[in-house]
Every structure is written in C-alpha cells, then in structure tokens.
Amino acid sequence: MYPKGEYDIYELTDMWDENHAWLRSFITEAPRECLSENYFRHQIAGPMNIEQVMGLNLAHIVMHEFQLSHIFMELNVETSHLPYESSV
C-alpha cells in the first residue's frame, strides 16, 4: 500500500486518534466471546478478528519506527531514537 496524498498530517492524526479510541473502547467493552469474531476487513489481508488486528497494528508501528530510524541515519540527524531499538 502506498500513500495517495488524500489527507494532510492533521487529518491523519485525528483519524488515528479516533480509530484507536474506538478500538480501545471495543476491546474493553465488548463481550469476551465476541473478540474471536471477524469484525474488521483489511483491504489487503481481508477479514480479521481483534487479535489479528492488534498484531497487525503492532507490526505496522514497528515497521514505521524502523523506516524512520533509517531516514534519520541517512540524513545524519542526531536523535535519541538511534540506534534503532524496537518499542516492543
């Protein structure tokens, strides 16, 4: 999946915050027996349950951390985030 330039960073941040607030609410409020059902549909991976969604979210964040660390290194930007160490 590649960015299409449809949203600016502020819109993306708002969307991220809204989605994660909803996800947090769903995880804490949904009956436990519902969590194994496929509630989500990823446009590439297809139907997913909450465990699969959380795994995908984690992998997504770690990949972006890795990508950003390489950009910082290529630009010779000093940051406390280098050398790269996964947040998980």
PDB file of N, CA and C in Angstrom:
ATOM      1  N   MET A   1       0.851  -1.179   0.000  1.00  0.00           N
ATOM      2  CA  MET A   1       0.000   0.000   0.000  1.00  0.00           C
ATOM      3  C   MET A   1       0.893   1.237   0.000  1.00  0.00           C
ATOM      4  N   TYR A   2       0.546   2.184  -0.841  1.00  0.00           N
ATOM      5  CA  TYR A   2       1.319   3.407  -0.952  1.00  0.00           C
ATOM      6  C   TYR A   2       0.441   4.605  -0.628  1.00  0.00           C
ATOM      7  N   PRO A   3       1.027   5.656  -0.048  1.00  0.00           N
ATOM      8  CA  PRO A   3       0.252   6.856   0.256  1.00  0.00           C
ATOM      9  C   PRO A   3      -0.305   7.467  -1.033  1.00  0.00           C
ATOM     10  N   LYS A   4      -1.486   8.025  -0.937  1.00  0.00           N
ATOM     11  CA  LYS A   4      -2.112   8.639  -2.104  1.00  0.00           C
ATOM     12  C   LYS A   4      -2.205  10.160  -1.964  1.00  0.00           C
ATOM     13  N   GLY A   5      -1.775  10.693  -0.828  1.00  0.00           N
ATOM     14  CA  GLY A   5      -1.818  12.136  -0.631  1.00  0.00           C
ATOM     15  C   GLY A   5      -3.218  12.688  -0.423  1.00  0.00           C
ATOM     16  N   GLU A   6      -4.127  11.844   0.046  1.00  0.00           N
ATOM     17  CA  GLU A   6      -5.513  12.277   0.217  1.00  0.00           C
ATOM     18  C   GLU A   6      -5.730  13.097   1.483  1.00  0.00           C
ATOM     19  N   TYR A   7      -4.850  12.960   2.467  1.00  0.00           N
ATOM     20  CA  TYR A   7      -5.041  13.610   3.760  1.00  0.00           C
ATOM     21  C   TYR A   7      -3.771  14.325   4.180  1.00  0.00           C
ATOM     22  N   ASP A   8      -3.934  15.412   4.935  1.00  0.00           N
ATOM     23  CA  ASP A   8      -2.746  16.047   5.499  1.00  0.00           C
ATOM     24  C   ASP A   8      -2.457  15.415   6.864  1.00  0.00           C
ATOM     25  N   ILE A   9      -1.349  15.769   7.457  1.00  0.00           N
ATOM     26  CA  ILE A   9      -0.903  15.121   8.703  1.00  0.00           C
ATOM     27  C   ILE A   9      -1.902  15.341   9.838  1.00  0.00           C
ATOM     28  N   TYR A  10      -2.570  16.482   9.846  1.00  0.00           N
ATOM     29  CA  TYR A  10      -3.533  16.766  10.908  1.00  0.00           C
ATOM     30  C   TYR A  10      -4.768  15.869  10.784  1.00  0.00           C
ATOM     31  N   GLU A  11      -5.231  15.667   9.551  1.00  0.00           N
ATOM     32  CA  GLU A  11      -6.360  14.765   9.336  1.00  0.00           C
ATOM     33  C   GLU A  11      -5.980  13.330   9.702  1.00  0.00           C
ATOM     34  N   LEU A  12      -4.781  12.920   9.317  1.00  0.00           N
ATOM     35  CA  LEU A  12      -4.333  11.571   9.638  1.00  0.00           C
ATOM     36  C   LEU A  12      -4.203  11.369  11.142  1.00  0.00           C
ATOM     37  N   THR A  13      -3.695  12.383  11.827  1.00  0.00           N
ATOM     38  CA  THR A  13      -3.562  12.300  13.282  1.00  0.00           C
ATOM     39  C   THR A  13      -4.932  12.174  13.940  1.00  0.00           C
ATOM     40  N   ASP A  14      -5.887  12.972  13.478  1.00  0.00           N
ATOM     41  CA  ASP A  14      -7.246  12.885  14.017  1.00  0.00           C
ATOM     42  C   ASP A  14      -7.856  11.513  13.747  1.00  0.00           C
ATOM     43  N   MET A  15      -7.674  11.003  12.532  1.00  0.00           N
ATOM     44  CA  MET A  15      -8.200   9.682  12.183  1.00  0.00           C
ATOM     45  C   MET A  15      -7.561   8.603  13.057  1.00  0.00           C
ATOM     46  N   TRP A  16      -6.251   8.692  13.254  1.00  0.00           N
ATOM     47  CA  TRP A  16      -5.514   7.732  14.093  1.00  0.00           C
ATOM     48  C   TRP A  16      -6.087   7.750  15.511  1.00  0.00           C
ATOM     49  N   ASP A  17      -6.232   8.944  16.073  1.00  0.00           N
ATOM     50  CA  ASP A  17      -6.735   9.074  17.437  1.00  0.00           C
ATOM     51  C   ASP A  17      -8.161   8.527  17.561  1.00  0.00           C
ATOM     52  N   GLU A  18      -9.023   8.851  16.596  1.00  0.00           N
ATOM     53  CA  GLU A  18     -10.399   8.361  16.627  1.00  0.00           C
ATOM     54  C   GLU A  18     -10.446   6.834  16.519  1.00  0.00           C
ATOM     55  N   ASN A  19      -9.682   6.289  15.594  1.00  0.00           N
ATOM     56  CA  ASN A  19      -9.667   4.835  15.407  1.00  0.00           C
ATOM     57  C   ASN A  19      -9.162   4.109  16.639  1.00  0.00           C
ATOM     58  N   HIS A  20      -8.131   4.645  17.261  1.00  0.00           N
ATOM     59  CA  HIS A  20      -7.575   3.976  18.437  1.00  0.00           C
ATOM     60  C   HIS A  20      -8.471   4.145  19.657  1.00  0.00           C
ATOM     61  N   ALA A  21      -9.149   5.261  19.756  1.00  0.00           N
ATOM     62  CA  ALA A  21     -10.110   5.424  20.856  1.00  0.00           C
ATOM     63  C   ALA A  21     -11.246   4.419  20.694  1.00  0.00           C
ATOM     64  N   TRP A  22     -11.735   4.266  19.457  1.00  0.00           N
ATOM     65  CA  TRP A  22     -12.795   3.294  19.213  1.00  0.00           C
ATOM     66  C   TRP A  22     -12.317   1.876  19.504  1.00  0.00           C
ATOM     67  N   LEU A  23     -11.114   1.549  19.028  1.00  0.00           N
ATOM     68  CA  LEU A  23     -10.560   0.212  19.233  1.00  0.00           C
ATOM     69  C   LEU A  23     -10.383  -0.086  20.722  1.00  0.00           C
ATOM     70  N   ARG A  24      -9.868   0.878  21.465  1.00  0.00           N
ATOM     71  CA  ARG A  24      -9.691   0.709  22.910  1.00  0.00           C
ATOM     72  C   ARG A  24     -11.036   0.464  23.585  1.00  0.00           C
ATOM     73  N   SER A  25     -12.042   1.230  23.186  1.00  0.00           N
ATOM     74  CA  SER A  25     -13.384   1.061  23.741  1.00  0.00           C
ATOM     75  C   SER A  25     -13.946  -0.312  23.389  1.00  0.00           C
ATOM     76  N   PHE A  26     -13.774  -0.722  22.147  1.00  0.00           N
ATOM     77  CA  PHE A  26     -14.266  -2.028  21.708  1.00  0.00           C
ATOM     78  C   PHE A  26     -13.632  -3.152  22.520  1.00  0.00           C
ATOM     79  N   ILE A  27     -12.325  -3.084  22.695  1.00  0.00           N
ATOM     80  CA  ILE A  27     -11.615  -4.140  23.420  1.00  0.00           C
ATOM     81  C   ILE A  27     -12.069  -4.216  24.869  1.00  0.00           C
ATOM     82  N   THR A  28     -12.288  -3.079  25.490  1.00  0.00           N
ATOM     83  CA  THR A  28     -12.638  -3.086  26.918  1.00  0.00           C
ATOM     84  C   THR A  28     -14.124  -3.321  27.173  1.00  0.00           C
ATOM     85  N   GLU A  29     -14.989  -3.011  26.206  1.00  0.00           N
ATOM     86  CA  GLU A  29     -16.431  -3.090  26.450  1.00  0.00           C
ATOM     87  C   GLU A  29     -17.128  -4.272  25.782  1.00  0.00           C
ATOM     88  N   ALA A  30     -16.544  -4.835  24.741  1.00  0.00           N
ATOM     89  CA  ALA A  30     -17.208  -5.938  24.029  1.00  0.00           C
ATOM     90  C   ALA A  30     -17.184  -7.208  24.871  1.00  0.00           C
ATOM     91  N   PRO A  31     -18.253  -7.997  24.804  1.00  0.00           N
ATOM     92  CA  PRO A  31     -18.236  -9.291  25.492  1.00  0.00           C
ATOM     93  C   PRO A  31     -17.068 -10.139  24.976  1.00  0.00           C
ATOM     94  N   ARG A  32     -16.381 -10.823  25.859  1.00  0.00           N
ATOM     95  CA  ARG A  32     -15.179 -11.589  25.504  1.00  0.00           C
ATOM     96  C   ARG A  32     -15.412 -12.590  24.384  1.00  0.00           C
ATOM     97  N   GLU A  33     -16.603 -13.203  24.350  1.00  0.00           N
ATOM     98  CA  GLU A  33     -16.862 -14.197  23.308  1.00  0.00           C
ATOM     99  C   GLU A  33     -16.927 -13.562  21.913  1.00  0.00           C
ATOM    100  N   CYS A  34     -17.131 -12.257  21.841  1.00  0.00           N
ATOM    101  CA  CYS A  34     -17.179 -11.567  20.545  1.00  0.00           C
ATOM    102  C   CYS A  34     -15.795 -11.303  19.961  1.00  0.00           C
ATOM    103  N   LEU A  35     -14.772 -11.335  20.797  1.00  0.00           N
ATOM    104  CA  LEU A  35     -13.453 -10.930  20.343  1.00  0.00           C
ATOM    105  C   LEU A  35     -12.827 -11.882  19.330  1.00  0.00           C
ATOM    106  N   SER A  36     -13.337 -13.112  19.247  1.00  0.00           N
ATOM    107  CA  SER A  36     -12.775 -14.049  18.266  1.00  0.00           C
ATOM    108  C   SER A  36     -13.457 -13.933  16.903  1.00  0.00           C
ATOM    109  N   GLU A  37     -14.520 -13.145  16.825  1.00  0.00           N
ATOM    110  CA  GLU A  37     -15.230 -12.978  15.562  1.00  0.00           C
ATOM    111  C   GLU A  37     -14.523 -11.950  14.681  1.00  0.00           C
ATOM    112  N   ASN A  38     -14.691 -12.092  13.374  1.00  0.00           N
ATOM    113  CA  ASN A  38     -14.092 -11.153  12.429  1.00  0.00           C
ATOM    114  C   ASN A  38     -14.964  -9.905  12.309  1.00  0.00           C
ATOM    115  N   TYR A  39     -14.505  -8.812  12.942  1.00  0.00           N
ATOM    116  CA  TYR A  39     -15.231  -7.548  12.910  1.00  0.00           C
ATOM    117  C   TYR A  39     -14.615  -6.556  11.939  1.00  0.00           C
ATOM    118  N   PHE A  40     -13.430  -6.849  11.481  1.00  0.00           N
ATOM    119  CA  PHE A  40     -12.681  -5.895  10.681  1.00  0.00           C
ATOM    120  C   PHE A  40     -12.371  -6.493   9.321  1.00  0.00           C
ATOM    121  N   ARG A  41     -12.265  -5.625   8.318  1.00  0.00           N
ATOM    122  CA  ARG A  41     -11.882  -6.081   6.998  1.00  0.00           C
ATOM    123  C   ARG A  41     -10.767  -5.181   6.498  1.00  0.00           C
ATOM    124  N   HIS A  42      -9.573  -5.751   6.441  1.00  0.00           N
ATOM    125  CA  HIS A  42      -8.419  -5.039   5.911  1.00  0.00           C
ATOM    126  C   HIS A  42      -8.464  -5.151   4.395  1.00  0.00           C
ATOM    127  N   GLN A  43      -8.136  -4.072   3.691  1.00  0.00           N
ATOM    128  CA  GLN A  43      -8.283  -4.092   2.237  1.00  0.00           C
ATOM    129  C   GLN A  43      -7.310  -5.040   1.549  1.00  0.00           C
ATOM    130  N   ILE A  44      -6.257  -5.440   2.218  1.00  0.00           N
ATOM    131  CA  ILE A  44      -5.319  -6.402   1.644  1.00  0.00           C
ATOM    132  C   ILE A  44      -5.468  -7.773   2.316  1.00  0.00           C
ATOM    133  N   ALA A  45      -5.479  -7.798   3.633  1.00  0.00           N
ATOM    134  CA  ALA A  45      -5.486  -9.061   4.382  1.00  0.00           C
ATOM    135  C   ALA A  45      -6.867  -9.699   4.493  1.00  0.00           C
ATOM    136  N   GLY A  46      -7.926  -8.917   4.284  1.00  0.00           N
ATOM    137  CA  GLY A  46      -9.278  -9.462   4.376  1.00  0.00           C
ATOM    138  C   GLY A  46      -9.821  -9.439   5.796  1.00  0.00           C
ATOM    139  N   PRO A  47     -10.786 -10.324   6.110  1.00  0.00           N
ATOM    140  CA  PRO A  47     -11.431 -10.332   7.427  1.00  0.00           C
ATOM    141  C   PRO A  47     -10.439 -10.651   8.552  1.00  0.00           C
ATOM    142  N   MET A  48     -10.586  -9.931   9.669  1.00  0.00           N
ATOM    143  CA  MET A  48      -9.676 -10.101  10.797  1.00  0.00           C
ATOM    144  C   MET A  48     -10.433 -10.006  12.111  1.00  0.00           C
ATOM    145  N   ASN A  49      -9.991 -10.788  13.110  1.00  0.00           N
ATOM    146  CA  ASN A  49     -10.540 -10.643  14.455  1.00  0.00           C
ATOM    147  C   ASN A  49      -9.653  -9.675  15.237  1.00  0.00           C
ATOM    148  N   ILE A  50     -10.030  -9.394  16.465  1.00  0.00           N
ATOM    149  CA  ILE A  50      -9.327  -8.367  17.239  1.00  0.00           C
ATOM    150  C   ILE A  50      -7.867  -8.747  17.507  1.00  0.00           C
ATOM    151  N   GLU A  51      -7.591 -10.025  17.750  1.00  0.00           N
ATOM    152  CA  GLU A  51      -6.207 -10.446  17.978  1.00  0.00           C
ATOM    153  C   GLU A  51      -5.355 -10.202  16.737  1.00  0.00           C
ATOM    154  N   GLN A  52      -5.905 -10.510  15.580  1.00  0.00           N
ATOM    155  CA  GLN A  52      -5.176 -10.283  14.335  1.00  0.00           C
ATOM    156  C   GLN A  52      -4.977  -8.797  14.063  1.00  0.00           C
ATOM    157  N   VAL A  53      -5.987  -7.997  14.363  1.00  0.00           N
ATOM    158  CA  VAL A  53      -5.883  -6.548  14.175  1.00  0.00           C
ATOM    159  C   VAL A  53      -4.792  -5.972  15.074  1.00  0.00           C
ATOM    160  N   MET A  54      -4.757  -6.411  16.327  1.00  0.00           N
ATOM    161  CA  MET A  54      -3.745  -5.897  17.250  1.00  0.00           C
ATOM    162  C   MET A  54      -2.342  -6.304  16.801  1.00  0.00           C
ATOM    163  N   GLY A  55      -2.194  -7.525  16.302  1.00  0.00           N
ATOM    164  CA  GLY A  55      -0.899  -7.963  15.770  1.00  0.00           C
ATOM    165  C   GLY A  55      -0.482  -7.133  14.573  1.00  0.00           C
ATOM    166  N   LEU A  56      -1.430  -6.834  13.689  1.00  0.00           N
ATOM    167  CA  LEU A  56      -1.139  -6.005  12.524  1.00  0.00           C
ATOM    168  C   LEU A  56      -0.762  -4.587  12.953  1.00  0.00           C
ATOM    169  N   ASN A  57      -1.483  -4.030  13.931  1.00  0.00           N
ATOM    170  CA  ASN A  57      -1.147  -2.695  14.440  1.00  0.00           C
ATOM    171  C   ASN A  57       0.271  -2.655  14.991  1.00  0.00           C
ATOM    172  N   LEU A  58       0.629  -3.667  15.750  1.00  0.00           N
ATOM    173  CA  LEU A  58       1.974  -3.721  16.324  1.00  0.00           C
ATOM    174  C   LEU A  58       3.032  -3.792  15.229  1.00  0.00           C
ATOM    175  N   ALA A  59       2.832  -4.678  14.263  1.00  0.00           N
ATOM    176  CA  ALA A  59       3.788  -4.804  13.162  1.00  0.00           C
ATOM    177  C   ALA A  59       3.895  -3.498  12.373  1.00  0.00           C
ATOM    178  N   HIS A  60       2.776  -2.823  12.208  1.00  0.00           N
ATOM    179  CA  HIS A  60       2.726  -1.564  11.470  1.00  0.00           C
ATOM    180  C   HIS A  60       3.578  -0.488  12.168  1.00  0.00           C
ATOM    181  N   ILE A  61       3.385  -0.370  13.454  1.00  0.00           N
ATOM    182  CA  ILE A  61       4.128   0.630  14.224  1.00  0.00           C
ATOM    183  C   ILE A  61       5.623   0.320  14.217  1.00  0.00           C
ATOM    184  N   VAL A  62       5.981  -0.932  14.446  1.00  0.00           N
ATOM    185  CA  VAL A  62       7.395  -1.318  14.468  1.00  0.00           C
ATOM    186  C   VAL A  62       8.042  -1.054  13.107  1.00  0.00           C
ATOM    187  N   MET A  63       7.331  -1.348  12.014  1.00  0.00           N
ATOM    188  CA  MET A  63       7.876  -1.094  10.682  1.00  0.00           C
ATOM    189  C   MET A  63       8.130   0.393  10.467  1.00  0.00           C
ATOM    190  N   HIS A  64       7.190   1.235  10.898  1.00  0.00           N
ATOM    191  CA  HIS A  64       7.397   2.678  10.747  1.00  0.00           C
ATOM    192  C   HIS A  64       8.564   3.160  11.600  1.00  0.00           C
ATOM    193  N   GLU A  65       8.722   2.634  12.804  1.00  0.00           N
ATOM    194  CA  GLU A  65       9.868   3.002  13.634  1.00  0.00           C
ATOM    195  C   GLU A  65      11.170   2.667  12.912  1.00  0.00           C
ATOM    196  N   PHE A  66      11.220   1.492  12.319  1.00  0.00           N
ATOM    197  CA  PHE A  66      12.405   1.044  11.588  1.00  0.00           C
ATOM    198  C   PHE A  66      12.665   1.963  10.385  1.00  0.00           C
ATOM    199  N   GLN A  67      11.634   2.276   9.618  1.00  0.00           N
ATOM    200  CA  GLN A  67      11.780   3.146   8.455  1.00  0.00           C
ATOM    201  C   GLN A  67      12.273   4.531   8.859  1.00  0.00           C
ATOM    202  N   LEU A  68      11.693   5.077   9.913  1.00  0.00           N
ATOM    203  CA  LEU A  68      12.102   6.409  10.366  1.00  0.00           C
ATOM    204  C   LEU A  68      13.543   6.426  10.849  1.00  0.00           C
ATOM    205  N   SER A  69      13.962   5.366  11.535  1.00  0.00           N
ATOM    206  CA  SER A  69      15.346   5.327  12.016  1.00  0.00           C
ATOM    207  C   SER A  69      16.312   5.352  10.839  1.00  0.00           C
ATOM    208  N   HIS A  70      15.981   4.682   9.741  1.00  0.00           N
ATOM    209  CA  HIS A  70      16.850   4.697   8.558  1.00  0.00           C
ATOM    210  C   HIS A  70      16.869   6.064   7.893  1.00  0.00           C
ATOM    211  N   ILE A  71      15.733   6.737   7.876  1.00  0.00           N
ATOM    212  CA  ILE A  71      15.693   8.090   7.320  1.00  0.00           C
ATOM    213  C   ILE A  71      16.568   9.016   8.150  1.00  0.00           C
ATOM    214  N   PHE A  72      16.463   8.931   9.475  1.00  0.00           N
ATOM    215  CA  PHE A  72      17.300   9.760  10.347  1.00  0.00           C
ATOM    216  C   PHE A  72      18.784   9.491  10.097  1.00  0.00           C
ATOM    217  N   MET A  73      19.134   8.215   9.976  1.00  0.00           N
ATOM    218  CA  MET A  73      20.542   7.871   9.742  1.00  0.00           C
ATOM    219  C   MET A  73      21.022   8.413   8.394  1.00  0.00           C
ATOM    220  N   GLU A  74      20.216   8.281   7.350  1.00  0.00           N
ATOM    221  CA  GLU A  74      20.602   8.765   6.024  1.00  0.00           C
ATOM    222  C   GLU A  74      20.773  10.283   6.009  1.00  0.00           C
ATOM    223  N   LEU A  75      19.993  10.977   6.807  1.00  0.00           N
ATOM    224  CA  LEU A  75      20.072  12.434   6.872  1.00  0.00           C
ATOM    225  C   LEU A  75      21.078  12.914   7.912  1.00  0.00           C
ATOM    226  N   ASN A  76      21.717  11.972   8.604  1.00  0.00           N
ATOM    227  CA  ASN A  76      22.652  12.302   9.686  1.00  0.00           C
ATOM    228  C   ASN A  76      22.004  13.167  10.754  1.00  0.00           C
ATOM    229  N   VAL A  77      20.769  12.849  11.067  1.00  0.00           N
ATOM    230  CA  VAL A  77      20.034  13.566  12.103  1.00  0.00           C
ATOM    231  C   VAL A  77      20.305  12.878  13.434  1.00  0.00           C
ATOM    232  N   GLU A  78      20.776  13.644  14.405  1.00  0.00           N
ATOM    233  CA  GLU A  78      21.018  13.070  15.726  1.00  0.00           C
ATOM    234  C   GLU A  78      19.705  13.041  16.497  1.00  0.00           C
ATOM    235  N   THR A  79      19.401  11.886  17.008  1.00  0.00           N
ATOM    236  CA  THR A  79      18.179  11.724  17.780  1.00  0.00           C
ATOM    237  C   THR A  79      18.403  10.655  18.829  1.00  0.00           C
ATOM    238  N   SER A  80      17.669  10.752  19.902  1.00  0.00           N
ATOM    239  CA  SER A  80      17.794   9.754  20.971  1.00  0.00           C
ATOM    240  C   SER A  80      17.235   8.410  20.529  1.00  0.00           C
ATOM    241  N   HIS A  81      16.567   8.378  19.370  1.00  0.00           N
ATOM    242  CA  HIS A  81      15.957   7.147  18.886  1.00  0.00           C
ATOM    243  C   HIS A  81      16.928   6.276  18.104  1.00  0.00           C
ATOM    244  N   LEU A  82      18.171   6.709  17.973  1.00  0.00           N
ATOM    245  CA  LEU A  82      19.169   5.914  17.263  1.00  0.00           C
ATOM    246  C   LEU A  82      20.255   5.486  18.216  1.00  0.00           C
ATOM    247  N   PRO A  83      20.828   4.316  18.097  1.00  0.00           N
ATOM    248  CA  PRO A  83      20.465   3.341  17.070  1.00  0.00           C
ATOM    249  C   PRO A  83      19.074   2.792  17.327  1.00  0.00           C
ATOM    250  N   TYR A  84      18.461   2.278  16.292  1.00  0.00           N
ATOM    251  CA  TYR A  84      17.086   1.805  16.362  1.00  0.00           C
ATOM    252  C   TYR A  84      16.924   0.681  17.356  1.00  0.00           C
ATOM    253  N   GLU A  85      15.938   0.834  18.205  1.00  0.00           N
ATOM    254  CA  GLU A  85      15.525  -0.245  19.120  1.00  0.00           C
ATOM    255  C   GLU A  85      14.018  -0.267  19.085  1.00  0.00           C
ATOM    256  N   SER A  86      13.461  -1.431  18.812  1.00  0.00           N
ATOM    257  CA  SER A  86      12.021  -1.566  18.732  1.00  0.00           C
ATOM    258  C   SER A  86      11.364  -1.142  20.042  1.00  0.00           C
ATOM    259  N   SER A  87      10.183  -0.565  19.947  1.00  0.00           N
ATOM    260  CA  SER A  87       9.460  -0.145  21.151  1.00  0.00           C
ATOM    261  C   SER A  87       8.805  -1.318  21.849  1.00  0.00           C
ATOM    262  N   VAL A  88       8.859  -2.483  21.237  1.00  0.00           N
ATOM    263  CA  VAL A  88       8.223  -3.666  21.845  1.00  0.00           C
ATOM    264  C   VAL A  88       9.250  -4.693  22.268  1.00  0.00           C
TER     265      VAL A  88
END
